[in-house]
């Protein structure tokens, strides 16, 4: 058995918050629709290569290397990604 390390890649991401929801909707410009849950919070449903995925407030929305979008829970995002300096 061989071992491999994942290649480092730079991704673009935005956190889905109440204040940023309109910018996130524009960021994910296609293959998505938004609605409000039973508490009145915005929810974003995103079509991904793996099927429809739901993003709740606080989740990060990631644009992958092939231009696809998908949501990521904040704890997984923090464990997986570090900010890149400008």
PDB file of N, CA and C in Angstrom:
ATOM      1  N   UNK A   1       0.845  -1.164   0.000  1.00  0.00           N
ATOM      2  CA  UNK A   1       0.000   0.000   0.000  1.00  0.00           C
ATOM      3  C   UNK A   1       0.895   1.232   0.000  1.00  0.00           C
ATOM      4  N   UNK A   2       0.555   2.203  -0.850  1.00  0.00           N
ATOM      5  CA  UNK A   2       1.282   3.471  -0.920  1.00  0.00           C
ATOM      6  C   UNK A   2       0.497   4.543  -0.179  1.00  0.00           C
ATOM      7  N   UNK A   3       1.208   5.556   0.282  1.00  0.00           N
ATOM      8  CA  UNK A   3       0.561   6.684   0.946  1.00  0.00           C
ATOM      9  C   UNK A   3       0.670   7.908   0.053  1.00  0.00           C
ATOM     10  N   UNK A   4      -0.342   8.765   0.131  1.00  0.00           N
ATOM     11  CA  UNK A   4      -0.381   9.970  -0.675  1.00  0.00           C
ATOM     12  C   UNK A   4      -0.780  11.153   0.191  1.00  0.00           C
ATOM     13  N   UNK A   5      -0.349  12.332  -0.219  1.00  0.00           N
ATOM     14  CA  UNK A   5      -0.744  13.564   0.443  1.00  0.00           C
ATOM     15  C   UNK A   5      -1.531  14.381  -0.581  1.00  0.00           C
ATOM     16  N   UNK A   6      -2.623  15.000  -0.172  1.00  0.00           N
ATOM     17  CA  UNK A   6      -3.442  15.784  -1.075  1.00  0.00           C
ATOM     18  C   UNK A   6      -2.695  17.049  -1.491  1.00  0.00           C
ATOM     19  N   UNK A   7      -2.759  17.369  -2.785  1.00  0.00           N
ATOM     20  CA  UNK A   7      -2.110  18.567  -3.296  1.00  0.00           C
ATOM     21  C   UNK A   7      -2.772  19.802  -2.694  1.00  0.00           C
ATOM     22  N   UNK A   8      -1.966  20.775  -2.316  1.00  0.00           N
ATOM     23  CA  UNK A   8      -2.574  22.019  -1.819  1.00  0.00           C
ATOM     24  C   UNK A   8      -3.222  22.780  -2.969  1.00  0.00           C
ATOM     25  N   UNK A   9      -4.425  23.233  -2.754  1.00  0.00           N
ATOM     26  CA  UNK A   9      -5.131  24.031  -3.748  1.00  0.00           C
ATOM     27  C   UNK A   9      -5.694  25.270  -3.066  1.00  0.00           C
ATOM     28  N   UNK A  10      -5.868  26.312  -3.826  1.00  0.00           N
ATOM     29  CA  UNK A  10      -6.478  27.528  -3.321  1.00  0.00           C
ATOM     30  C   UNK A  10      -7.921  27.540  -3.803  1.00  0.00           C
ATOM     31  N   UNK A  11      -8.841  27.744  -2.874  1.00  0.00           N
ATOM     32  CA  UNK A  11     -10.265  27.783  -3.209  1.00  0.00           C
ATOM     33  C   UNK A  11     -10.811  29.160  -2.873  1.00  0.00           C
ATOM     34  N   UNK A  12     -11.975  29.471  -3.428  1.00  0.00           N
ATOM     35  CA  UNK A  12     -12.708  30.670  -3.050  1.00  0.00           C
ATOM     36  C   UNK A  12     -13.882  30.222  -2.197  1.00  0.00           C
ATOM     37  N   UNK A  13     -14.181  30.967  -1.138  1.00  0.00           N
ATOM     38  CA  UNK A  13     -15.279  30.601  -0.257  1.00  0.00           C
ATOM     39  C   UNK A  13     -15.862  31.853   0.379  1.00  0.00           C
ATOM     40  N   UNK A  14     -17.142  31.761   0.717  1.00  0.00           N
ATOM     41  CA  UNK A  14     -17.830  32.825   1.440  1.00  0.00           C
ATOM     42  C   UNK A  14     -18.648  32.170   2.535  1.00  0.00           C
ATOM     43  N   UNK A  15     -18.718  32.812   3.692  1.00  0.00           N
ATOM     44  CA  UNK A  15     -19.541  32.276   4.766  1.00  0.00           C
ATOM     45  C   UNK A  15     -20.971  32.773   4.590  1.00  0.00           C
ATOM     46  N   UNK A  16     -21.923  31.843   4.697  1.00  0.00           N
ATOM     47  CA  UNK A  16     -23.343  32.121   4.529  1.00  0.00           C
ATOM     48  C   UNK A  16     -23.893  32.654   5.846  1.00  0.00           C
ATOM     49  N   UNK A  17     -24.008  33.976   5.932  1.00  0.00           N
ATOM     50  CA  UNK A  17     -24.545  34.623   7.124  1.00  0.00           C
ATOM     51  C   UNK A  17     -25.732  35.481   6.705  1.00  0.00           C
ATOM     52  N   UNK A  18     -26.500  35.925   7.680  1.00  0.00           N
ATOM     53  CA  UNK A  18     -27.629  36.796   7.384  1.00  0.00           C
ATOM     54  C   UNK A  18     -27.197  38.062   6.672  1.00  0.00           C
ATOM     55  N   UNK A  19     -26.057  38.617   7.088  1.00  0.00           N
ATOM     56  CA  UNK A  19     -25.555  39.843   6.473  1.00  0.00           C
ATOM     57  C   UNK A  19     -24.993  39.608   5.074  1.00  0.00           C
ATOM     58  N   UNK A  20     -24.505  38.407   4.809  1.00  0.00           N
ATOM     59  CA  UNK A  20     -23.848  38.102   3.534  1.00  0.00           C
ATOM     60  C   UNK A  20     -24.730  37.316   2.570  1.00  0.00           C
ATOM     61  N   UNK A  21     -25.986  37.047   2.940  1.00  0.00           N
ATOM     62  CA  UNK A  21     -26.792  36.130   2.132  1.00  0.00           C
ATOM     63  C   UNK A  21     -26.936  36.585   0.683  1.00  0.00           C
ATOM     64  N   UNK A  22     -27.143  37.882   0.442  1.00  0.00           N
ATOM     65  CA  UNK A  22     -27.286  38.356  -0.934  1.00  0.00           C
ATOM     66  C   UNK A  22     -25.992  38.180  -1.726  1.00  0.00           C
ATOM     67  N   UNK A  23     -24.854  38.449  -1.092  1.00  0.00           N
ATOM     68  CA  UNK A  23     -23.568  38.244  -1.778  1.00  0.00           C
ATOM     69  C   UNK A  23     -23.313  36.768  -2.050  1.00  0.00           C
ATOM     70  N   UNK A  24     -23.718  35.904  -1.111  1.00  0.00           N
ATOM     71  CA  UNK A  24     -23.565  34.454  -1.322  1.00  0.00           C
ATOM     72  C   UNK A  24     -24.458  34.003  -2.480  1.00  0.00           C
ATOM     73  N   UNK A  25     -25.704  34.512  -2.539  1.00  0.00           N
ATOM     74  CA  UNK A  25     -26.601  34.143  -3.649  1.00  0.00           C
ATOM     75  C   UNK A  25     -25.980  34.539  -4.984  1.00  0.00           C
ATOM     76  N   UNK A  26     -25.314  35.706  -5.042  1.00  0.00           N
ATOM     77  CA  UNK A  26     -24.640  36.127  -6.272  1.00  0.00           C
ATOM     78  C   UNK A  26     -23.397  35.301  -6.557  1.00  0.00           C
ATOM     79  N   UNK A  27     -22.678  34.900  -5.500  1.00  0.00           N
ATOM     80  CA  UNK A  27     -21.479  34.067  -5.635  1.00  0.00           C
ATOM     81  C   UNK A  27     -21.843  32.729  -6.280  1.00  0.00           C
ATOM     82  N   UNK A  28     -22.907  32.116  -5.786  1.00  0.00           N
ATOM     83  CA  UNK A  28     -23.411  30.859  -6.352  1.00  0.00           C
ATOM     84  C   UNK A  28     -24.495  31.265  -7.351  1.00  0.00           C
ATOM     85  N   UNK A  29     -24.066  31.680  -8.524  1.00  0.00           N
ATOM     86  CA  UNK A  29     -24.972  32.332  -9.459  1.00  0.00           C
ATOM     87  C   UNK A  29     -25.916  31.375 -10.191  1.00  0.00           C
ATOM     88  N   UNK A  30     -25.648  30.096 -10.170  1.00  0.00           N
ATOM     89  CA  UNK A  30     -26.535  29.148 -10.852  1.00  0.00           C
ATOM     90  C   UNK A  30     -26.597  27.858 -10.037  1.00  0.00           C
ATOM     91  N   UNK A  31     -27.498  26.985 -10.419  1.00  0.00           N
ATOM     92  CA  UNK A  31     -27.650  25.680  -9.762  1.00  0.00           C
ATOM     93  C   UNK A  31     -27.933  25.795  -8.272  1.00  0.00           C
ATOM     94  N   UNK A  32     -28.761  26.777  -7.909  1.00  0.00           N
ATOM     95  CA  UNK A  32     -29.114  26.943  -6.508  1.00  0.00           C
ATOM     96  C   UNK A  32     -30.491  27.573  -6.403  1.00  0.00           C
ATOM     97  N   UNK A  33     -31.114  27.368  -5.266  1.00  0.00           N
ATOM     98  CA  UNK A  33     -32.318  28.121  -4.935  1.00  0.00           C
ATOM     99  C   UNK A  33     -32.360  28.317  -3.439  1.00  0.00           C
ATOM    100  N   UNK A  34     -33.014  29.403  -3.058  1.00  0.00           N
ATOM    101  CA  UNK A  34     -33.063  29.788  -1.649  1.00  0.00           C
ATOM    102  C   UNK A  34     -34.498  29.739  -1.157  1.00  0.00           C
ATOM    103  N   UNK A  35     -34.639  29.481   0.125  1.00  0.00           N
ATOM    104  CA  UNK A  35     -35.942  29.510   0.777  1.00  0.00           C
ATOM    105  C   UNK A  35     -35.714  29.797   2.251  1.00  0.00           C
ATOM    106  N   UNK A  36     -36.788  29.933   2.999  1.00  0.00           N
ATOM    107  CA  UNK A  36     -36.698  30.180   4.433  1.00  0.00           C
ATOM    108  C   UNK A  36     -37.196  28.950   5.180  1.00  0.00           C
ATOM    109  N   UNK A  37     -36.483  28.572   6.247  1.00  0.00           N
ATOM    110  CA  UNK A  37     -36.898  27.420   7.043  1.00  0.00           C
ATOM    111  C   UNK A  37     -38.044  27.814   7.972  1.00  0.00           C
ATOM    112  N   UNK A  38     -38.464  26.880   8.806  1.00  0.00           N
ATOM    113  CA  UNK A  38     -39.605  27.102   9.700  1.00  0.00           C
ATOM    114  C   UNK A  38     -39.347  28.195  10.738  1.00  0.00           C
ATOM    115  N   UNK A  39     -38.066  28.583  10.931  1.00  0.00           N
ATOM    116  CA  UNK A  39     -37.720  29.641  11.881  1.00  0.00           C
ATOM    117  C   UNK A  39     -37.537  30.988  11.179  1.00  0.00           C
ATOM    118  N   UNK A  40     -37.704  31.003   9.857  1.00  0.00           N
ATOM    119  CA  UNK A  40     -37.524  32.236   9.094  1.00  0.00           C
ATOM    120  C   UNK A  40     -36.089  32.503   8.684  1.00  0.00           C
ATOM    121  N   UNK A  41     -35.196  31.525   8.904  1.00  0.00           N
ATOM    122  CA  UNK A  41     -33.793  31.685   8.512  1.00  0.00           C
ATOM    123  C   UNK A  41     -33.614  31.287   7.048  1.00  0.00           C
ATOM    124  N   UNK A  42     -32.766  32.016   6.308  1.00  0.00           N
ATOM    125  CA  UNK A  42     -32.530  31.640   4.913  1.00  0.00           C
ATOM    126  C   UNK A  42     -31.760  30.327   4.819  1.00  0.00           C
ATOM    127  N   UNK A  43     -32.119  29.552   3.812  1.00  0.00           N
ATOM    128  CA  UNK A  43     -31.477  28.267   3.525  1.00  0.00           C
ATOM    129  C   UNK A  43     -31.130  28.284   2.041  1.00  0.00           C
ATOM    130  N   UNK A  44     -29.985  27.728   1.691  1.00  0.00           N
ATOM    131  CA  UNK A  44     -29.553  27.674   0.301  1.00  0.00           C
ATOM    132  C   UNK A  44     -29.393  26.221  -0.114  1.00  0.00           C
ATOM    133  N   UNK A  45     -30.112  25.815  -1.143  1.00  0.00           N
ATOM    134  CA  UNK A  45     -29.976  24.467  -1.696  1.00  0.00           C
ATOM    135  C   UNK A  45     -29.116  24.593  -2.949  1.00  0.00           C
ATOM    136  N   UNK A  46     -28.025  23.814  -2.997  1.00  0.00           N
ATOM    137  CA  UNK A  46     -27.042  23.900  -4.081  1.00  0.00           C
ATOM    138  C   UNK A  46     -26.974  22.556  -4.794  1.00  0.00           C
ATOM    139  N   UNK A  47     -27.050  22.605  -6.131  1.00  0.00           N
ATOM    140  CA  UNK A  47     -26.853  21.392  -6.916  1.00  0.00           C
ATOM    141  C   UNK A  47     -25.347  21.163  -7.050  1.00  0.00           C
ATOM    142  N   UNK A  48     -24.898  20.010  -6.564  1.00  0.00           N
ATOM    143  CA  UNK A  48     -23.479  19.653  -6.632  1.00  0.00           C
ATOM    144  C   UNK A  48     -23.325  18.408  -7.493  1.00  0.00           C
ATOM    145  N   UNK A  49     -22.106  18.069  -7.898  1.00  0.00           N
ATOM    146  CA  UNK A  49     -21.910  16.823  -8.647  1.00  0.00           C
ATOM    147  C   UNK A  49     -22.384  15.589  -7.871  1.00  0.00           C
ATOM    148  N   UNK A  50     -22.430  15.678  -6.538  1.00  0.00           N
ATOM    149  CA  UNK A  50     -22.875  14.550  -5.711  1.00  0.00           C
ATOM    150  C   UNK A  50     -24.375  14.588  -5.430  1.00  0.00           C
ATOM    151  N   UNK A  51     -25.082  15.604  -5.919  1.00  0.00           N
ATOM    152  CA  UNK A  51     -26.512  15.760  -5.661  1.00  0.00           C
ATOM    153  C   UNK A  51     -26.785  17.055  -4.915  1.00  0.00           C
ATOM    154  N   UNK A  52     -28.046  17.327  -4.629  1.00  0.00           N
ATOM    155  CA  UNK A  52     -28.421  18.552  -3.932  1.00  0.00           C
ATOM    156  C   UNK A  52     -27.906  18.529  -2.496  1.00  0.00           C
ATOM    157  N   UNK A  53     -27.327  19.663  -2.076  1.00  0.00           N
ATOM    158  CA  UNK A  53     -26.850  19.824  -0.707  1.00  0.00           C
ATOM    159  C   UNK A  53     -27.427  21.116  -0.152  1.00  0.00           C
ATOM    160  N   UNK A  54     -27.669  21.149   1.155  1.00  0.00           N
ATOM    161  CA  UNK A  54     -28.290  22.291   1.806  1.00  0.00           C
ATOM    162  C   UNK A  54     -27.272  23.032   2.660  1.00  0.00           C
ATOM    163  N   UNK A  55     -27.267  24.356   2.516  1.00  0.00           N
ATOM    164  CA  UNK A  55     -26.413  25.214   3.339  1.00  0.00           C
ATOM    165  C   UNK A  55     -27.291  26.006   4.288  1.00  0.00           C
ATOM    166  N   UNK A  56     -26.934  25.985   5.559  1.00  0.00           N
ATOM    167  CA  UNK A  56     -27.621  26.761   6.586  1.00  0.00           C
ATOM    168  C   UNK A  56     -26.748  27.943   6.972  1.00  0.00           C
ATOM    169  N   UNK A  57     -27.332  28.890   7.695  1.00  0.00           N
ATOM    170  CA  UNK A  57     -26.545  30.036   8.156  1.00  0.00           C
ATOM    171  C   UNK A  57     -25.323  29.548   8.925  1.00  0.00           C
ATOM    172  N   UNK A  58     -24.186  30.164   8.667  1.00  0.00           N
ATOM    173  CA  UNK A  58     -22.932  29.792   9.311  1.00  0.00           C
ATOM    174  C   UNK A  58     -22.071  28.884   8.458  1.00  0.00           C
ATOM    175  N   UNK A  59     -22.683  28.145   7.527  1.00  0.00           N
ATOM    176  CA  UNK A  59     -21.913  27.271   6.645  1.00  0.00           C
ATOM    177  C   UNK A  59     -21.069  28.100   5.681  1.00  0.00           C
ATOM    178  N   UNK A  60     -19.999  27.508   5.204  1.00  0.00           N
ATOM    179  CA  UNK A  60     -19.172  28.115   4.173  1.00  0.00           C
ATOM    180  C   UNK A  60     -19.596  27.551   2.830  1.00  0.00           C
ATOM    181  N   UNK A  61     -19.604  28.392   1.798  1.00  0.00           N
ATOM    182  CA  UNK A  61     -19.893  27.962   0.435  1.00  0.00           C
ATOM    183  C   UNK A  61     -18.576  28.020  -0.323  1.00  0.00           C
ATOM    184  N   UNK A  62     -18.166  26.885  -0.852  1.00  0.00           N
ATOM    185  CA  UNK A  62     -16.862  26.742  -1.499  1.00  0.00           C
ATOM    186  C   UNK A  62     -17.051  26.579  -3.003  1.00  0.00           C
ATOM    187  N   UNK A  63     -16.215  27.292  -3.780  1.00  0.00           N
ATOM    188  CA  UNK A  63     -16.151  27.038  -5.217  1.00  0.00           C
ATOM    189  C   UNK A  63     -14.960  26.114  -5.428  1.00  0.00           C
ATOM    190  N   UNK A  64     -15.210  24.934  -5.943  1.00  0.00           N
ATOM    191  CA  UNK A  64     -14.162  23.938  -6.150  1.00  0.00           C
ATOM    192  C   UNK A  64     -13.304  24.231  -7.366  1.00  0.00           C
ATOM    193  N   UNK A  65     -12.326  23.380  -7.588  1.00  0.00           N
ATOM    194  CA  UNK A  65     -11.351  23.588  -8.657  1.00  0.00           C
ATOM    195  C   UNK A  65     -11.973  23.510 -10.046  1.00  0.00           C
ATOM    196  N   UNK A  66     -13.098  22.834 -10.194  1.00  0.00           N
ATOM    197  CA  UNK A  66     -13.775  22.731 -11.490  1.00  0.00           C
ATOM    198  C   UNK A  66     -14.912  23.749 -11.618  1.00  0.00           C
ATOM    199  N   UNK A  67     -14.999  24.697 -10.668  1.00  0.00           N
ATOM    200  CA  UNK A  67     -16.045  25.713 -10.718  1.00  0.00           C
ATOM    201  C   UNK A  67     -17.342  25.307 -10.046  1.00  0.00           C
ATOM    202  N   UNK A  68     -17.375  24.117  -9.483  1.00  0.00           N
ATOM    203  CA  UNK A  68     -18.570  23.634  -8.788  1.00  0.00           C
ATOM    204  C   UNK A  68     -18.664  24.265  -7.406  1.00  0.00           C
ATOM    205  N   UNK A  69     -19.865  24.325  -6.865  1.00  0.00           N
ATOM    206  CA  UNK A  69     -20.085  24.881  -5.534  1.00  0.00           C
ATOM    207  C   UNK A  69     -20.574  23.798  -4.594  1.00  0.00           C
ATOM    208  N   UNK A  70     -20.206  23.927  -3.332  1.00  0.00           N
ATOM    209  CA  UNK A  70     -20.743  23.030  -2.323  1.00  0.00           C
ATOM    210  C   UNK A  70     -20.600  23.662  -0.943  1.00  0.00           C
ATOM    211  N   UNK A  71     -21.508  23.311  -0.022  1.00  0.00           N
ATOM    212  CA  UNK A  71     -21.440  23.848   1.331  1.00  0.00           C
ATOM    213  C   UNK A  71     -20.496  23.044   2.208  1.00  0.00           C
ATOM    214  N   UNK A  72     -19.998  23.708   3.252  1.00  0.00           N
ATOM    215  CA  UNK A  72     -19.101  23.055   4.196  1.00  0.00           C
ATOM    216  C   UNK A  72     -19.404  23.592   5.595  1.00  0.00           C
ATOM    217  N   UNK A  73     -19.577  22.709   6.547  1.00  0.00           N
ATOM    218  CA  UNK A  73     -19.851  23.117   7.929  1.00  0.00           C
ATOM    219  C   UNK A  73     -18.639  23.872   8.483  1.00  0.00           C
ATOM    220  N   UNK A  74     -18.876  24.865   9.354  1.00  0.00           N
ATOM    221  CA  UNK A  74     -17.786  25.711   9.845  1.00  0.00           C
ATOM    222  C   UNK A  74     -16.642  24.952  10.517  1.00  0.00           C
ATOM    223  N   UNK A  75     -16.933  23.910  11.278  1.00  0.00           N
ATOM    224  CA  UNK A  75     -15.861  23.180  11.957  1.00  0.00           C
ATOM    225  C   UNK A  75     -14.981  22.419  10.970  1.00  0.00           C
ATOM    226  N   UNK A  76     -15.585  21.841   9.942  1.00  0.00           N
ATOM    227  CA  UNK A  76     -14.813  21.131   8.908  1.00  0.00           C
ATOM    228  C   UNK A  76     -13.990  22.128   8.104  1.00  0.00           C
ATOM    229  N   UNK A  77     -14.603  23.280   7.783  1.00  0.00           N
ATOM    230  CA  UNK A  77     -13.890  24.318   7.042  1.00  0.00           C
ATOM    231  C   UNK A  77     -12.659  24.780   7.825  1.00  0.00           C
ATOM    232  N   UNK A  78     -12.832  25.060   9.106  1.00  0.00           N
ATOM    233  CA  UNK A  78     -11.712  25.532   9.939  1.00  0.00           C
ATOM    234  C   UNK A  78     -10.608  24.482  10.042  1.00  0.00           C
ATOM    235  N   UNK A  79     -10.967  23.202  10.071  1.00  0.00           N
ATOM    236  CA  UNK A  79      -9.969  22.132  10.175  1.00  0.00           C
ATOM    237  C   UNK A  79      -9.278  21.867   8.847  1.00  0.00           C
ATOM    238  N   UNK A  80      -9.902  22.279   7.725  1.00  0.00           N
ATOM    239  CA  UNK A  80      -9.388  21.932   6.407  1.00  0.00           C
ATOM    240  C   UNK A  80      -8.685  23.060   5.685  1.00  0.00           C
ATOM    241  N   UNK A  81      -9.031  24.304   6.000  1.00  0.00           N
ATOM    242  CA  UNK A  81      -8.540  25.444   5.215  1.00  0.00           C
ATOM    243  C   UNK A  81      -7.907  26.507   6.105  1.00  0.00           C
ATOM    244  N   UNK A  82      -6.863  27.130   5.587  1.00  0.00           N
ATOM    245  CA  UNK A  82      -6.223  28.275   6.203  1.00  0.00           C
ATOM    246  C   UNK A  82      -6.353  29.452   5.244  1.00  0.00           C
ATOM    247  N   UNK A  83      -6.479  30.672   5.752  1.00  0.00           N
ATOM    248  CA  UNK A  83      -6.546  31.836   4.872  1.00  0.00           C
ATOM    249  C   UNK A  83      -5.249  32.001   4.073  1.00  0.00           C
ATOM    250  N   UNK A  84      -5.379  32.535   2.867  1.00  0.00           N
ATOM    251  CA  UNK A  84      -4.235  32.841   2.014  1.00  0.00           C
ATOM    252  C   UNK A  84      -4.049  34.342   2.042  1.00  0.00           C
ATOM    253  N   UNK A  85      -2.832  34.800   2.274  1.00  0.00           N
ATOM    254  CA  UNK A  85      -2.550  36.231   2.261  1.00  0.00           C
ATOM    255  C   UNK A  85      -2.792  36.823   0.888  1.00  0.00           C
ATOM    256  N   UNK A  86      -3.194  38.063   0.870  1.00  0.00           N
ATOM    257  CA  UNK A  86      -3.462  38.752  -0.414  1.00  0.00           C
ATOM    258  C   UNK A  86      -2.178  39.096  -1.119  1.00  0.00           C
TER     259      UNK A  86
END
